[in-house]
Amino acid sequence: MKDFFSVQEISKLLKISRSTVLYYIKTDRLKAAQVGKVYIISREHFGEFLKDQRNKRKDSEGNQTHLDF
């Protein structure tokens, strides 16, 4: 298994645009190291990002308002 991923690889895995991955990096939602002009994301940080996203989705589902008619 890979130890590091590129922005391109993350975008393909998550089926999102490269610019969205870069946005997550710039807003510190996804931790990455910059090597020259290229960002690399460790497997550990990618796993943390996925876990955070899953938790945010669960939280937002729990906060939905249910209306009974």
N, C-alpha and C. Protein backbone atom coordinates (compact mmCIF):
# COMPACT_ATOMS: atom_id res chain seq x y z
N MET A 1 0.85 -1.19 0.00
CA MET A 1 0.00 0.00 0.00
C MET A 1 0.89 1.24 0.00
N LYS A 2 0.39 2.28 -0.64
CA LYS A 2 1.15 3.52 -0.76
C LYS A 2 1.24 4.25 0.58
N ASP A 3 2.37 4.92 0.77
CA ASP A 3 2.54 5.74 1.97
C ASP A 3 2.13 7.18 1.74
N PHE A 4 2.18 7.62 0.46
CA PHE A 4 1.84 9.00 0.12
C PHE A 4 0.96 9.04 -1.12
N PHE A 5 0.12 10.07 -1.19
CA PHE A 5 -0.77 10.27 -2.33
C PHE A 5 -0.57 11.67 -2.88
N SER A 6 -0.80 11.83 -4.17
CA SER A 6 -0.76 13.14 -4.79
C SER A 6 -2.18 13.74 -4.76
N VAL A 7 -2.27 15.01 -5.06
CA VAL A 7 -3.58 15.68 -5.16
C VAL A 7 -4.42 14.98 -6.22
N GLN A 8 -3.79 14.65 -7.34
CA GLN A 8 -4.49 13.97 -8.44
C GLN A 8 -5.05 12.62 -7.98
N GLU A 9 -4.27 11.85 -7.23
CA GLU A 9 -4.73 10.54 -6.76
C GLU A 9 -5.90 10.67 -5.78
N ILE A 10 -5.81 11.65 -4.88
CA ILE A 10 -6.89 11.88 -3.91
C ILE A 10 -8.17 12.28 -4.66
N SER A 11 -8.03 13.15 -5.65
CA SER A 11 -9.22 13.58 -6.39
C SER A 11 -9.87 12.41 -7.12
N LYS A 12 -9.08 11.51 -7.66
CA LYS A 12 -9.65 10.34 -8.33
C LYS A 12 -10.30 9.38 -7.33
N LEU A 13 -9.64 9.17 -6.21
CA LEU A 13 -10.19 8.26 -5.20
C LEU A 13 -11.53 8.76 -4.64
N LEU A 14 -11.62 10.07 -4.42
CA LEU A 14 -12.83 10.64 -3.82
C LEU A 14 -13.84 11.13 -4.86
N LYS A 15 -13.44 11.07 -6.13
CA LYS A 15 -14.30 11.54 -7.23
C LYS A 15 -14.71 12.99 -7.04
N ILE A 16 -13.69 13.81 -6.74
CA ILE A 16 -13.87 15.25 -6.61
C ILE A 16 -12.80 15.93 -7.46
N SER A 17 -12.93 17.21 -7.69
CA SER A 17 -11.97 17.93 -8.52
C SER A 17 -10.65 18.16 -7.77
N ARG A 18 -9.61 18.40 -8.55
CA ARG A 18 -8.31 18.73 -7.96
C ARG A 18 -8.42 20.02 -7.15
N SER A 19 -9.19 20.97 -7.66
CA SER A 19 -9.33 22.24 -6.95
C SER A 19 -10.00 22.06 -5.59
N THR A 20 -10.91 21.11 -5.49
CA THR A 20 -11.55 20.83 -4.20
C THR A 20 -10.53 20.25 -3.22
N VAL A 21 -9.69 19.35 -3.70
CA VAL A 21 -8.63 18.79 -2.85
C VAL A 21 -7.70 19.91 -2.39
N LEU A 22 -7.31 20.79 -3.31
CA LEU A 22 -6.45 21.91 -2.94
C LEU A 22 -7.13 22.83 -1.94
N TYR A 23 -8.44 23.03 -2.10
CA TYR A 23 -9.20 23.83 -1.13
C TYR A 23 -9.13 23.20 0.26
N TYR A 24 -9.31 21.88 0.33
CA TYR A 24 -9.22 21.19 1.62
C TYR A 24 -7.83 21.35 2.24
N ILE A 25 -6.81 21.34 1.40
CA ILE A 25 -5.44 21.53 1.90
C ILE A 25 -5.25 22.96 2.39
N LYS A 26 -5.68 23.93 1.59
CA LYS A 26 -5.50 25.35 1.95
C LYS A 26 -6.27 25.73 3.21
N THR A 27 -7.40 25.06 3.46
CA THR A 27 -8.22 25.37 4.65
C THR A 27 -7.90 24.44 5.82
N ASP A 28 -6.81 23.70 5.71
CA ASP A 28 -6.31 22.80 6.76
C ASP A 28 -7.27 21.67 7.13
N ARG A 29 -8.19 21.35 6.25
CA ARG A 29 -9.05 20.17 6.48
C ARG A 29 -8.29 18.89 6.14
N LEU A 30 -7.37 19.00 5.19
CA LEU A 30 -6.54 17.88 4.75
C LEU A 30 -5.09 18.31 4.89
N LYS A 31 -4.36 17.61 5.74
CA LYS A 31 -2.96 17.96 5.97
C LYS A 31 -2.11 17.41 4.83
N ALA A 32 -1.21 18.26 4.34
CA ALA A 32 -0.34 17.87 3.23
C ALA A 32 0.99 18.58 3.39
N ALA A 33 2.01 17.98 2.80
CA ALA A 33 3.34 18.60 2.77
C ALA A 33 3.59 19.08 1.35
N GLN A 34 4.19 20.27 1.24
CA GLN A 34 4.50 20.80 -0.07
C GLN A 34 5.96 20.50 -0.38
N VAL A 35 6.18 19.84 -1.50
CA VAL A 35 7.53 19.53 -1.97
C VAL A 35 7.68 20.24 -3.30
N GLY A 36 8.39 21.35 -3.29
CA GLY A 36 8.46 22.18 -4.48
C GLY A 36 7.09 22.77 -4.76
N LYS A 37 6.55 22.47 -5.93
CA LYS A 37 5.22 22.96 -6.29
C LYS A 37 4.15 21.89 -6.10
N VAL A 38 4.54 20.74 -5.59
CA VAL A 38 3.63 19.59 -5.49
C VAL A 38 3.28 19.33 -4.02
N TYR A 39 2.02 19.00 -3.79
CA TYR A 39 1.59 18.59 -2.45
C TYR A 39 1.55 17.07 -2.38
N ILE A 40 1.99 16.54 -1.25
CA ILE A 40 1.85 15.10 -1.00
C ILE A 40 1.08 14.92 0.31
N ILE A 41 0.24 13.90 0.31
CA ILE A 41 -0.63 13.62 1.46
C ILE A 41 -0.26 12.24 1.98
N SER A 42 0.06 12.15 3.26
CA SER A 42 0.41 10.85 3.82
C SER A 42 -0.85 9.99 3.98
N ARG A 43 -0.65 8.70 4.01
CA ARG A 43 -1.76 7.76 4.20
C ARG A 43 -2.45 8.05 5.53
N GLU A 44 -1.66 8.37 6.54
CA GLU A 44 -2.21 8.66 7.87
C GLU A 44 -3.11 9.89 7.84
N HIS A 45 -2.66 10.96 7.19
CA HIS A 45 -3.47 12.19 7.12
C HIS A 45 -4.70 12.00 6.25
N PHE A 46 -4.57 11.21 5.19
CA PHE A 46 -5.73 10.90 4.35
C PHE A 46 -6.78 10.14 5.17
N GLY A 47 -6.33 9.17 5.97
CA GLY A 47 -7.24 8.42 6.83
C GLY A 47 -7.94 9.32 7.84
N GLU A 48 -7.19 10.25 8.43
CA GLU A 48 -7.79 11.19 9.38
C GLU A 48 -8.83 12.07 8.69
N PHE A 49 -8.54 12.52 7.49
CA PHE A 49 -9.48 13.33 6.72
C PHE A 49 -10.77 12.56 6.46
N LEU A 50 -10.64 11.30 6.04
CA LEU A 50 -11.83 10.48 5.77
C LEU A 50 -12.65 10.28 7.04
N LYS A 51 -11.98 10.05 8.15
CA LYS A 51 -12.68 9.86 9.42
C LYS A 51 -13.42 11.15 9.82
N ASP A 52 -12.76 12.29 9.67
CA ASP A 52 -13.39 13.58 9.98
C ASP A 52 -14.61 13.82 9.11
N GLN A 53 -14.49 13.52 7.82
CA GLN A 53 -15.61 13.72 6.90
C GLN A 53 -16.78 12.81 7.27
N ARG A 54 -16.48 11.58 7.64
CA ARG A 54 -17.53 10.64 8.05
C ARG A 54 -18.22 11.14 9.31
N ASN A 55 -17.45 11.65 10.26
CA ASN A 55 -18.04 12.16 11.50
C ASN A 55 -18.88 13.40 11.25
N LYS A 56 -18.44 14.28 10.35
CA LYS A 56 -19.22 15.47 10.02
C LYS A 56 -20.53 15.09 9.37
N ARG A 57 -20.50 14.07 8.52
CA ARG A 57 -21.72 13.62 7.85
C ARG A 57 -22.70 13.05 8.89
N LYS A 58 -22.19 12.27 9.84
CA LYS A 58 -23.06 11.72 10.88
C LYS A 58 -23.67 12.82 11.73
N ASP A 59 -22.84 13.83 12.06
CA ASP A 59 -23.34 14.95 12.87
C ASP A 59 -24.42 15.72 12.13
N SER A 60 -24.23 15.95 10.85
CA SER A 60 -25.24 16.72 10.11
C SER A 60 -26.52 15.92 9.94
N GLU A 61 -26.42 14.61 9.83
CA GLU A 61 -27.63 13.78 9.73
C GLU A 61 -28.40 13.79 11.05
N GLY A 62 -27.69 13.85 12.16
CA GLY A 62 -28.33 13.85 13.47
C GLY A 62 -28.99 15.16 13.79
N ASN A 63 -28.58 16.24 13.13
CA ASN A 63 -29.12 17.58 13.41
C ASN A 63 -30.25 17.97 12.49
N GLN A 64 -30.74 17.06 11.68
CA GLN A 64 -31.82 17.39 10.77
C GLN A 64 -33.12 17.54 11.54
N THR A 65 -33.94 18.47 11.10
CA THR A 65 -35.24 18.70 11.70
C THR A 65 -36.26 17.77 11.04
N HIS A 66 -37.00 17.06 11.86
CA HIS A 66 -38.02 16.16 11.34
C HIS A 66 -39.39 16.77 11.63
N LEU A 67 -40.19 16.86 10.60
CA LEU A 67 -41.53 17.40 10.75
C LEU A 67 -42.55 16.28 10.60
N ASP A 68 -43.43 16.18 11.55
CA ASP A 68 -44.50 15.18 11.48
C ASP A 68 -45.81 15.90 11.14
N PHE A 69 -46.45 15.44 10.10
CA PHE A 69 -47.73 16.04 9.71
C PHE A 69 -48.85 15.06 9.94
